């Protein structure tokens, strides 16, 4: 099986862990031609209203160095879901990490809703928060974990109990702990933080500007729809956005049902100053086709 096919058959959590640990052998791909001299945001015609990013794991068949060069040429300002070991690569290319990831320690299925994981999670995040701040970054991802028969109220209370132990340090260092909203209908069966209402309720209970949500447009369209109205109603609790096409989680072009220009206008109208990261799975067979689709996605979202 070639590397691209392997990545497409790998879950997001596994792909990110493999990238963080360096176990996806991008070196085995052999030499790749680098991008031409990076173009500026202005030369690409980007308006500068949206801070664009891309998730590394969806382009994991490309060495991070090459992805950084391509990102700079397009006009992206950051790359999403990067572990600390690769932050120096981003810095060397003048890019930010728009959503930080704790290598090998974060699990989508075993999260803050289970008290038995709290001791380890608290230790990990208390170590990570100062690192994120020292690097000059802001967002640090976290997950609720799966239900495994647990009711949503108990899970919510458990998340509050655990997260309140790390929020004071996040506030001290101006780091935002960001829980991702994921669909439980298709991609992440049994995941607890699968609705905007549940996530917003958690934010309200914690009562801190240093805990917010990652509103994944693809995931929430699958589970609940009403994307634009949800953004208008709850934008103050959203620190970050992810994109992908519905159905299929592929390109965000006319092949799918979401109209991203209108969604981006709704986001911009809220005064949002954070990042919008592309997290679709490219369908192109060649590197040129995949990067071409990334350019198209950025232009679609650049309102």
Protein backbone atom coordinates (compact mmCIF):
# COMPACT_ATOMS: atom_id res chain seq x y z
CA UNK A 1 0.00 0.00 0.00
CA UNK A 2 1.46 3.42 -0.88
CA UNK A 3 1.86 6.11 1.78
CA UNK A 4 -1.05 8.23 0.59
CA UNK A 5 -3.41 5.26 0.71
CA UNK A 6 -2.13 4.38 4.17
CA UNK A 7 -2.84 7.87 5.47
CA UNK A 8 -6.37 7.85 4.05
CA UNK A 9 -7.03 4.55 5.82
CA UNK A 10 -5.58 5.89 9.08
CA UNK A 11 -7.74 7.70 11.59
CA UNK A 12 -6.92 11.31 12.31
CA UNK A 13 -5.75 10.55 15.84
CA UNK A 14 -3.38 7.84 14.61
CA UNK A 15 -2.04 9.97 11.78
CA UNK A 16 -1.24 12.84 14.15
CA UNK A 17 0.43 10.53 16.65
CA UNK A 18 2.52 8.95 13.90
CA UNK A 19 3.56 12.37 12.65
CA UNK A 20 4.41 13.52 16.16
CA UNK A 21 6.51 10.44 16.77
CA UNK A 22 8.13 10.60 13.35
CA UNK A 23 6.85 7.14 12.38
CA UNK A 24 5.37 8.18 9.05
CA UNK A 25 8.44 7.70 6.93
CA UNK A 26 8.21 10.66 4.59
CA UNK A 27 11.88 10.25 3.81
CA UNK A 28 11.02 7.01 2.03
CA UNK A 29 9.22 9.02 -0.63
CA UNK A 30 12.53 10.08 -2.08
CA UNK A 31 13.47 13.57 -3.30
CA UNK A 32 10.64 15.99 -3.92
CA UNK A 33 10.94 19.24 -5.79
CA UNK A 34 10.48 22.19 -3.48
CA UNK A 35 8.13 25.04 -4.21
CA UNK A 36 9.35 28.03 -6.13
CA UNK A 37 10.40 31.07 -4.17
CA UNK A 38 7.58 31.76 -1.71
CA UNK A 39 5.07 34.34 -2.85
CA UNK A 40 3.69 36.86 -0.44
CA UNK A 41 0.09 36.97 0.70
CA UNK A 42 -0.39 40.05 -1.48
CA UNK A 43 0.99 38.37 -4.61
CA UNK A 44 -1.49 35.51 -4.18
CA UNK A 45 -4.30 38.03 -4.04
CA UNK A 46 -5.44 37.13 -0.53
CA UNK A 47 -7.47 39.82 1.21
CA UNK A 48 -6.02 39.41 4.70
CA UNK A 49 -9.40 39.22 6.46
CA UNK A 50 -9.09 35.51 7.30
CA UNK A 51 -6.05 33.97 8.97
CA UNK A 52 -5.55 30.80 6.93
CA UNK A 53 -4.00 27.56 8.17
CA UNK A 54 -3.90 23.89 7.14
CA UNK A 55 -3.80 20.68 9.18
CA UNK A 56 -0.57 18.78 8.68
CA UNK A 57 -2.09 15.32 9.03
CA UNK A 58 -4.19 15.69 5.86
CA UNK A 59 -0.99 16.32 3.90
CA UNK A 60 1.08 13.83 5.89
CA UNK A 61 2.54 12.23 2.76
CA UNK A 62 4.54 15.44 2.31
CA UNK A 63 7.59 16.29 4.44
CA UNK A 64 6.79 19.13 6.83
CA UNK A 65 9.58 21.24 5.32
CA UNK A 66 7.91 21.02 1.92
CA UNK A 67 4.45 21.68 3.32
CA UNK A 68 5.82 24.81 5.01
CA UNK A 69 7.21 26.07 1.71
CA UNK A 70 3.95 25.39 -0.09
CA UNK A 71 1.98 27.06 2.71
CA UNK A 72 4.12 30.18 2.56
CA UNK A 73 3.78 30.36 -1.22
CA UNK A 74 -0.01 30.21 -0.94
CA UNK A 75 -0.12 32.84 1.81
CA UNK A 76 -0.97 30.68 4.81
CA UNK A 77 0.17 32.01 8.17
CA UNK A 78 0.20 28.78 10.15
CA UNK A 79 -0.05 24.99 10.24
CA UNK A 80 -2.39 23.13 12.59
CA UNK A 81 -1.88 20.21 14.98
CA UNK A 82 1.89 20.24 15.29
CA UNK A 83 3.73 18.69 18.22
CA UNK A 84 6.53 20.55 20.05
CA UNK A 85 9.32 18.66 18.31
CA UNK A 86 8.35 20.26 14.99
CA UNK A 87 7.74 23.81 16.16
CA UNK A 88 11.31 24.82 15.16
CA UNK A 89 10.53 23.81 11.57
CA UNK A 90 7.56 26.17 11.52
CA UNK A 91 9.58 28.98 13.04
CA UNK A 92 12.30 28.53 10.44
CA UNK A 93 9.69 29.23 7.77
CA UNK A 94 8.01 32.11 9.57
CA UNK A 95 4.85 30.12 10.29
CA UNK A 96 2.87 29.75 13.52
CA UNK A 97 1.37 26.65 15.08
CA UNK A 98 -2.29 27.62 15.07
CA UNK A 99 -3.33 24.61 17.18
CA UNK A 100 -0.77 22.88 19.37
CA UNK A 101 -0.82 19.15 20.03
CA UNK A 102 0.80 17.17 22.85
CA UNK A 103 2.69 14.37 21.14
CA UNK A 104 1.58 10.90 22.16
CA UNK A 105 -0.39 12.06 25.19
CA UNK A 106 -3.73 13.23 23.85
CA UNK A 107 -6.51 10.80 23.03
CA UNK A 108 -9.84 11.51 21.38
CA UNK A 109 -11.41 8.50 23.09
CA UNK A 110 -9.85 8.71 26.58
CA UNK A 111 -10.33 12.28 27.68
CA UNK A 112 -11.47 14.69 30.34
CA UNK A 113 -14.87 13.05 30.88
CA UNK A 114 -13.22 10.13 32.72
CA UNK A 115 -11.83 10.92 36.20
CA UNK A 116 -9.42 7.97 35.96
CA UNK A 117 -7.49 9.89 33.30
CA UNK A 118 -7.40 13.20 35.17
CA UNK A 119 -4.11 12.76 37.00
CA UNK A 120 -2.21 12.03 33.81
CA UNK A 121 -4.01 14.70 31.79
CA UNK A 122 -3.45 17.34 34.45
CA UNK A 123 0.26 16.48 34.59
CA UNK A 124 0.59 16.58 30.80
CA UNK A 125 -1.21 19.89 30.38
CA UNK A 126 0.53 21.60 33.28
CA UNK A 127 3.79 20.71 31.54
CA UNK A 128 2.59 21.72 28.08
CA UNK A 129 0.97 25.09 28.82
CA UNK A 130 4.25 26.90 29.63
CA UNK A 131 5.86 25.35 26.53
CA UNK A 132 3.08 26.67 24.31
CA UNK A 133 3.41 30.13 25.83
CA UNK A 134 7.21 30.14 25.58
CA UNK A 135 6.94 29.32 21.88
CA UNK A 136 4.65 32.29 21.39
CA UNK A 137 1.60 30.18 20.54
CA UNK A 138 -1.88 30.35 21.99
CA UNK A 139 -4.15 27.34 21.33
CA UNK A 140 -3.73 23.89 22.90
CA UNK A 141 -6.18 21.19 21.86
CA UNK A 142 -8.01 18.79 24.15
CA UNK A 143 -10.80 16.22 23.83
CA UNK A 144 -13.77 15.06 25.87
CA UNK A 145 -13.28 11.35 25.29
CA UNK A 146 -15.96 8.78 24.44
CA UNK A 147 -19.12 8.14 26.45
CA UNK A 148 -18.76 4.39 27.01
CA UNK A 149 -22.22 4.37 28.55
CA UNK A 150 -21.74 7.58 30.54
CA UNK A 151 -24.57 10.14 30.43
CA UNK A 152 -23.79 13.61 29.12
CA UNK A 153 -24.37 15.45 32.41
CA UNK A 154 -21.94 13.22 34.30
CA UNK A 155 -19.40 13.64 31.53
CA UNK A 156 -19.83 17.41 31.60
CA UNK A 157 -19.36 17.54 35.36
CA UNK A 158 -16.28 15.32 35.13
CA UNK A 159 -14.75 17.56 32.45
CA UNK A 160 -15.34 20.62 34.65
CA UNK A 161 -13.74 18.91 37.64
CA UNK A 162 -10.60 18.01 35.71
CA UNK A 163 -10.21 21.07 33.50
CA UNK A 164 -10.58 23.55 36.36
CA UNK A 165 -7.24 22.20 37.67
CA UNK A 166 -5.37 23.48 34.60
CA UNK A 167 -7.33 26.63 33.70
CA UNK A 168 -5.53 28.90 36.25
CA UNK A 169 -2.16 28.10 34.65
CA UNK A 170 -3.63 28.64 31.17
CA UNK A 171 -4.91 32.04 32.32
CA UNK A 172 -1.51 32.91 33.77
CA UNK A 173 0.23 32.12 30.47
CA UNK A 174 -2.53 33.40 28.18
CA UNK A 175 -2.97 29.96 26.61
CA UNK A 176 -6.41 28.82 25.47
CA UNK A 177 -7.38 25.20 26.10
CA UNK A 178 -9.55 24.27 23.12
CA UNK A 179 -11.88 21.27 23.09
CA UNK A 180 -12.82 20.04 19.63
CA UNK A 181 -16.38 19.38 18.56
CA UNK A 182 -16.44 16.12 16.55
CA UNK A 183 -19.29 14.19 14.96
CA UNK A 184 -20.29 10.91 16.62
CA UNK A 185 -22.54 9.86 13.76
CA UNK A 186 -19.83 8.80 11.29
CA UNK A 187 -16.19 9.51 12.12
CA UNK A 188 -15.91 9.36 15.91
CA UNK A 189 -18.55 7.02 17.22
CA UNK A 190 -19.51 7.60 20.85
CA UNK A 191 -17.48 10.84 21.22
CA UNK A 192 -19.10 12.96 23.91
CA UNK A 193 -18.40 16.54 22.78
CA UNK A 194 -20.50 16.06 19.64
CA UNK A 195 -22.89 19.01 19.89
CA UNK A 196 -22.45 22.75 20.11
CA UNK A 197 -24.90 22.96 23.02
CA UNK A 198 -22.89 20.49 25.13
CA UNK A 199 -19.64 22.28 24.35
CA UNK A 200 -21.08 25.71 25.09
CA UNK A 201 -22.50 24.40 28.38
CA UNK A 202 -18.99 23.26 29.33
CA UNK A 203 -17.57 26.68 28.48
CA UNK A 204 -20.20 28.38 30.62
CA UNK A 205 -19.55 26.11 33.59
CA UNK A 206 -15.80 26.75 33.43
CA UNK A 207 -16.39 30.48 32.98
CA UNK A 208 -12.96 31.31 31.58
CA UNK A 209 -11.83 33.05 28.40
CA UNK A 210 -8.99 30.52 28.40
CA UNK A 211 -11.27 27.59 27.65
CA UNK A 212 -13.08 27.54 24.31
CA UNK A 213 -14.16 25.24 21.50
CA UNK A 214 -12.82 24.23 18.13
CA UNK A 215 -15.86 24.46 15.88
CA UNK A 216 -15.24 21.92 13.14
CA UNK A 217 -17.63 22.90 10.35
CA UNK A 218 -17.55 19.47 8.71
CA UNK A 219 -18.20 17.57 11.92
CA UNK A 220 -21.01 19.83 13.08
CA UNK A 221 -22.70 19.78 9.68
CA UNK A 222 -22.75 15.97 9.90
CA UNK A 223 -24.13 15.89 13.44
CA UNK A 224 -26.38 18.94 13.74
CA UNK A 225 -26.34 21.28 10.74
CA UNK A 226 -27.48 24.93 11.13
CA UNK A 227 -23.85 26.00 10.84
CA UNK A 228 -24.22 29.75 10.21
CA UNK A 229 -26.84 30.28 12.91
CA UNK A 230 -24.71 28.34 15.39
CA UNK A 231 -21.72 30.56 14.60
CA UNK A 232 -23.84 33.67 15.05
CA UNK A 233 -25.28 32.43 18.35
CA UNK A 234 -22.19 30.95 19.99
CA UNK A 235 -19.17 32.57 18.32
CA UNK A 236 -17.84 33.91 21.61
CA UNK A 237 -17.09 30.32 22.63
CA UNK A 238 -15.27 29.38 19.39
CA UNK A 239 -11.50 29.87 19.34
CA UNK A 240 -10.77 28.08 16.07
CA UNK A 241 -12.44 26.63 12.96
CA UNK A 242 -11.78 23.58 10.76
CA UNK A 243 -13.13 22.99 7.26
CA UNK A 244 -13.93 20.00 5.03
CA UNK A 245 -16.54 19.10 2.46
CA UNK A 246 -19.80 17.29 3.28
CA UNK A 247 -20.29 14.48 2.48
CA UNK A 248 -16.94 12.74 2.20
CA UNK A 249 -14.59 15.07 4.14
CA UNK A 250 -12.91 16.01 0.88
CA UNK A 251 -12.44 19.30 -0.99
CA UNK A 252 -14.70 22.24 -0.10
CA UNK A 253 -15.54 23.05 -3.72
CA UNK A 254 -18.85 22.77 -5.58
CA UNK A 255 -18.81 18.98 -5.25
CA UNK A 256 -20.24 19.18 -1.71
CA UNK A 257 -23.19 20.75 0.09
CA UNK A 258 -21.67 23.49 2.25
CA UNK A 259 -21.26 26.99 0.81
CA UNK A 260 -18.06 28.14 2.45
CA UNK A 261 -18.02 31.77 1.26
CA UNK A 262 -21.23 32.41 3.23
CA UNK A 263 -19.86 30.54 6.25
CA UNK A 264 -16.64 32.60 6.16
CA UNK A 265 -18.66 35.82 5.92
CA UNK A 266 -20.61 34.75 9.00
CA UNK A 267 -17.36 34.04 10.87
CA UNK A 268 -15.84 37.37 9.82
CA UNK A 269 -19.00 39.24 10.86
CA UNK A 270 -18.49 38.05 14.45
CA UNK A 271 -15.15 39.87 14.63
CA UNK A 272 -13.19 36.62 14.74
CA UNK A 273 -9.41 37.14 14.64
CA UNK A 274 -8.24 33.54 15.05
CA UNK A 275 -7.43 30.87 12.47
CA UNK A 276 -9.46 28.90 9.96
CA UNK A 277 -7.63 25.66 9.15
CA UNK A 278 -8.29 23.45 6.13
CA UNK A 279 -8.79 19.85 7.31
CA UNK A 280 -10.22 18.15 4.24
CA UNK A 281 -8.73 14.98 2.72
CA UNK A 282 -7.34 15.82 -0.73
CA UNK A 283 -8.50 13.51 -3.52
CA UNK A 284 -5.76 14.43 -6.00
CA UNK A 285 -3.37 11.67 -7.02
CA UNK A 286 -0.33 13.88 -7.43
CA UNK A 287 1.30 16.40 -5.15
CA UNK A 288 0.57 19.14 -7.67
CA UNK A 289 -3.14 18.26 -7.66
CA UNK A 290 -3.31 18.18 -3.87
CA UNK A 291 -1.56 21.53 -3.45
CA UNK A 292 -3.76 22.92 -6.21
CA UNK A 293 -6.83 21.93 -4.22
CA UNK A 294 -5.38 23.63 -1.13
CA UNK A 295 -4.93 26.85 -3.10
CA UNK A 296 -8.52 26.58 -4.27
CA UNK A 297 -9.78 25.97 -0.72
CA UNK A 298 -7.94 29.03 0.58
CA UNK A 299 -9.34 31.19 -2.21
CA UNK A 300 -12.88 29.92 -1.50
CA UNK A 301 -12.50 30.89 2.16
CA UNK A 302 -10.72 34.18 1.50
CA UNK A 303 -13.57 36.65 1.70
